[in-house]
Each structure stands twice: as structure tokens, then as C-alpha cells.
Amino acid sequence: MHFGTAWPRLILDDDRVVGFVMGNFDPENEIGAFRAGIWRLNIAADQQGQGYGRFAVEAVAAEARRRGHNRITVLWVQGDGGPEGFYLRLGFTPTGEVMGGETVGELML
């Protein structure tokens, strides 16, 4: 992971910050899961469930398409209170890979 490939974006509702997404675009990365995807997604606790997370994922997907990628990936820790259900509802599917104890999910574009 090198940070020259990072794509950081604040998520705003008018002028109010409601979240943050860090995409990554590194088409030459030797690890397929790190070529295009989401490194981090945070939505303020009191703003969750209002579509901001979906908006952020769609923004990363749109940027990936613009750059010629056909999938994005994300890693998550399984368990209660984790983001797995959110990502599955958005269409991500587990690849069967586990990296550092985290499940790798992919969304085909």
C-alpha cells in the first residue's frame, strides 16, 4: 500500500461533514484486492442509515469505472456490529480470500 494511490474524500451534506471515504487506485499492485477499492469508510454514528455510505461506495465505484477498473474491493472484519451486512446489501460478495483476519469482498462494475 502506498499513499500516492489514495483517493481521500469528505462526505458532505451541504456544508456539514457526515463522513469520510478513502478509495485506492493502484492498477499495478501485485495484490489484486489492492488495485481498486475502499480502504476506509466512516459515517458519523448519528448519520448512519441515511444513504451517505451508499453514496460514498457509489462514488468510489464511479471513479474506478472512470479509471478503467471492472471491480472494487473492500475488507471487513466479520462479527456483530460490523459492516459486512452493509457491504453485502450493496452487492459486494466475499471472494473467499482472508487477509489479516479480514474478509475480502468484491463488487463487479
C-alpha atoms as a PDB file:
ATOM      1  CA  MET A   1       0.000   0.000   0.000  1.00  0.00           C
ATOM      2  CA  HIS A   2       1.477   3.348  -0.938  1.00  0.00           C
ATOM      3  CA  PHE A   3      -0.358   6.526  -0.264  1.00  0.00           C
ATOM      4  CA  GLY A   4       0.274   8.112  -3.674  1.00  0.00           C
ATOM      5  CA  THR A   5      -2.582   5.926  -4.891  1.00  0.00           C
ATOM      6  CA  ALA A   6      -5.025   7.066  -2.192  1.00  0.00           C
ATOM      7  CA  TRP A   7      -8.246   8.883  -3.101  1.00  0.00           C
ATOM      8  CA  PRO A   8      -9.489  10.613   0.103  1.00  0.00           C
ATOM      9  CA  ARG A   9     -12.885  12.334   0.081  1.00  0.00           C
ATOM     10  CA  LEU A  10     -15.024  14.000   2.715  1.00  0.00           C
ATOM     11  CA  ILE A  11     -18.737  13.243   2.549  1.00  0.00           C
ATOM     12  CA  LEU A  12     -20.735  16.418   2.935  1.00  0.00           C
ATOM     13  CA  ASP A  13     -24.395  17.242   3.397  1.00  0.00           C
ATOM     14  CA  ASP A  14     -24.458  20.874   2.333  1.00  0.00           C
ATOM     15  CA  ASP A  15     -21.521  22.249   4.353  1.00  0.00           C
ATOM     16  CA  ARG A  16     -21.718  19.650   7.161  1.00  0.00           C
ATOM     17  CA  VAL A  17     -19.191  16.785   7.213  1.00  0.00           C
ATOM     18  CA  VAL A  18     -21.023  13.487   7.722  1.00  0.00           C
ATOM     19  CA  GLY A  19     -18.300  11.040   6.773  1.00  0.00           C
ATOM     20  CA  PHE A  20     -15.081  10.133   5.035  1.00  0.00           C
ATOM     21  CA  VAL A  21     -14.119   7.613   2.366  1.00  0.00           C
ATOM     22  CA  MET A  22     -10.627   6.618   1.302  1.00  0.00           C
ATOM     23  CA  GLY A  23     -10.508   4.918  -2.047  1.00  0.00           C
ATOM     24  CA  ASN A  24      -7.403   3.384  -3.573  1.00  0.00           C
ATOM     25  CA  PHE A  25      -6.439   3.047  -7.213  1.00  0.00           C
ATOM     26  CA  ASP A  26      -3.210   1.136  -7.831  1.00  0.00           C
ATOM     27  CA  PRO A  27      -3.661  -0.931 -11.019  1.00  0.00           C
ATOM     28  CA  GLU A  28      -0.112  -2.292 -10.876  1.00  0.00           C
ATOM     29  CA  ASN A  29      -0.377  -3.642  -7.311  1.00  0.00           C
ATOM     30  CA  GLU A  30       0.713  -7.283  -7.114  1.00  0.00           C
ATOM     31  CA  ILE A  31      -2.228  -7.971  -4.760  1.00  0.00           C
ATOM     32  CA  GLY A  32      -5.444  -7.948  -6.762  1.00  0.00           C
ATOM     33  CA  ALA A  33      -7.537  -6.802  -3.788  1.00  0.00           C
ATOM     34  CA  PHE A  34      -5.482  -3.589  -3.597  1.00  0.00           C
ATOM     35  CA  ARG A  35      -5.820  -2.480  -7.240  1.00  0.00           C
ATOM     36  CA  ALA A  36      -9.106  -0.582  -6.837  1.00  0.00           C
ATOM     37  CA  GLY A  37     -11.263  -0.330  -3.787  1.00  0.00           C
ATOM     38  CA  ILE A  38     -12.197   1.139  -0.461  1.00  0.00           C
ATOM     39  CA  TRP A  39      -9.528   1.421   2.221  1.00  0.00           C
ATOM     40  CA  ARG A  40     -11.732   3.160   4.758  1.00  0.00           C
ATOM     41  CA  LEU A  41     -15.336   4.307   5.077  1.00  0.00           C
ATOM     42  CA  ASN A  42     -16.566   6.166   8.134  1.00  0.00           C
ATOM     43  CA  ILE A  43     -20.010   7.699   8.572  1.00  0.00           C
ATOM     44  CA  ALA A  44     -20.872   9.628  11.747  1.00  0.00           C
ATOM     45  CA  ALA A  45     -22.851   7.367  14.074  1.00  0.00           C
ATOM     46  CA  ASP A  46     -25.876   9.682  14.136  1.00  0.00           C
ATOM     47  CA  GLN A  47     -25.862   9.903  10.313  1.00  0.00           C
ATOM     48  CA  GLN A  48     -25.796   6.186   9.519  1.00  0.00           C
ATOM     49  CA  GLY A  49     -28.750   4.684   7.679  1.00  0.00           C
ATOM     50  CA  GLN A  50     -29.397   7.852   5.644  1.00  0.00           C
ATOM     51  CA  GLY A  51     -27.669   6.830   2.393  1.00  0.00           C
ATOM     52  CA  TYR A  52     -24.299   8.516   2.920  1.00  0.00           C
ATOM     53  CA  GLY A  53     -22.396   5.227   2.956  1.00  0.00           C
ATOM     54  CA  ARG A  54     -24.113   4.077  -0.236  1.00  0.00           C
ATOM     55  CA  PHE A  55     -23.270   7.436  -1.818  1.00  0.00           C
ATOM     56  CA  ALA A  56     -19.597   7.013  -0.847  1.00  0.00           C
ATOM     57  CA  VAL A  57     -19.389   3.475  -2.250  1.00  0.00           C
ATOM     58  CA  GLU A  58     -21.070   4.625  -5.476  1.00  0.00           C
ATOM     59  CA  ALA A  59     -18.553   7.488  -5.756  1.00  0.00           C
ATOM     60  CA  VAL A  60     -15.605   5.089  -5.427  1.00  0.00           C
ATOM     61  CA  ALA A  61     -17.231   2.749  -7.974  1.00  0.00           C
ATOM     62  CA  ALA A  62     -17.775   5.612 -10.428  1.00  0.00           C
ATOM     63  CA  GLU A  63     -14.143   6.727 -10.083  1.00  0.00           C
ATOM     64  CA  ALA A  64     -12.989   3.132 -10.579  1.00  0.00           C
ATOM     65  CA  ARG A  65     -15.053   2.856 -13.778  1.00  0.00           C
ATOM     66  CA  ARG A  66     -13.645   6.182 -14.977  1.00  0.00           C
ATOM     67  CA  ARG A  67     -10.149   4.788 -14.469  1.00  0.00           C
ATOM     68  CA  GLY A  68     -10.972   1.585 -16.377  1.00  0.00           C
ATOM     69  CA  HIS A  69     -11.433  -0.860 -13.493  1.00  0.00           C
ATOM     70  CA  ASN A  70     -14.121  -3.551 -13.626  1.00  0.00           C
ATOM     71  CA  ARG A  71     -14.303  -4.225  -9.875  1.00  0.00           C
ATOM     72  CA  ILE A  72     -13.692  -2.668  -6.499  1.00  0.00           C
ATOM     73  CA  THR A  73     -12.814  -4.430  -3.290  1.00  0.00           C
ATOM     74  CA  VAL A  74     -13.192  -3.835   0.426  1.00  0.00           C
ATOM     75  CA  LEU A  75     -12.015  -5.712   3.505  1.00  0.00           C
ATOM     76  CA  TRP A  76     -14.120  -6.159   6.624  1.00  0.00           C
ATOM     77  CA  VAL A  77     -13.992  -7.944   9.948  1.00  0.00           C
ATOM     78  CA  GLN A  78     -16.891 -10.325  10.423  1.00  0.00           C
ATOM     79  CA  GLY A  79     -18.950 -10.119  13.568  1.00  0.00           C
ATOM     80  CA  ASP A  80     -21.781  -8.369  15.338  1.00  0.00           C
ATOM     81  CA  GLY A  81     -21.882  -4.642  14.692  1.00  0.00           C
ATOM     82  CA  GLY A  82     -19.503  -4.920  11.745  1.00  0.00           C
ATOM     83  CA  PRO A  83     -20.016  -3.595   8.225  1.00  0.00           C
ATOM     84  CA  GLU A  84     -20.498  -6.945   6.480  1.00  0.00           C
ATOM     85  CA  GLY A  85     -24.291  -6.617   6.099  1.00  0.00           C
ATOM     86  CA  PHE A  86     -23.926  -3.111   4.679  1.00  0.00           C
ATOM     87  CA  TYR A  87     -21.455  -4.232   2.013  1.00  0.00           C
ATOM     88  CA  LEU A  88     -23.473  -7.344   1.137  1.00  0.00           C
ATOM     89  CA  ARG A  89     -26.632  -5.222   0.697  1.00  0.00           C
ATOM     90  CA  LEU A  90     -24.703  -3.016  -1.749  1.00  0.00           C
ATOM     91  CA  GLY A  91     -23.807  -6.048  -3.857  1.00  0.00           C
ATOM     92  CA  PHE A  92     -20.343  -6.970  -2.609  1.00  0.00           C
ATOM     93  CA  THR A  93     -19.662 -10.697  -2.473  1.00  0.00           C
ATOM     94  CA  PRO A  94     -16.927 -12.422  -0.468  1.00  0.00           C
ATOM     95  CA  THR A  95     -14.091 -13.628  -2.714  1.00  0.00           C
ATOM     96  CA  GLY A  96     -13.097 -16.416  -0.332  1.00  0.00           C
ATOM     97  CA  GLU A  97      -9.854 -14.595   0.487  1.00  0.00           C
ATOM     98  CA  VAL A  98      -8.986 -13.556   4.014  1.00  0.00           C
ATOM     99  CA  MET A  99      -6.217 -11.005   4.602  1.00  0.00           C
ATOM    100  CA  GLY A 100      -5.025 -10.263   8.099  1.00  0.00           C
ATOM    101  CA  GLY A 101      -8.195 -11.792   9.517  1.00  0.00           C
ATOM    102  CA  GLU A 102     -10.413  -9.638   7.290  1.00  0.00           C
ATOM    103  CA  THR A 103     -12.806 -10.904   4.623  1.00  0.00           C
ATOM    104  CA  VAL A 104     -12.172  -9.622   1.102  1.00  0.00           C
ATOM    105  CA  GLY A 105     -15.339  -8.583  -0.728  1.00  0.00           C
ATOM    106  CA  GLU A 106     -15.669  -7.508  -4.337  1.00  0.00           C
ATOM    107  CA  LEU A 107     -18.216  -5.569  -6.331  1.00  0.00           C
ATOM    108  CA  MET A 108     -18.170  -6.130 -10.063  1.00  0.00           C
ATOM    109  CA  LEU A 109     -18.760  -2.923 -12.010  1.00  0.00           C
END
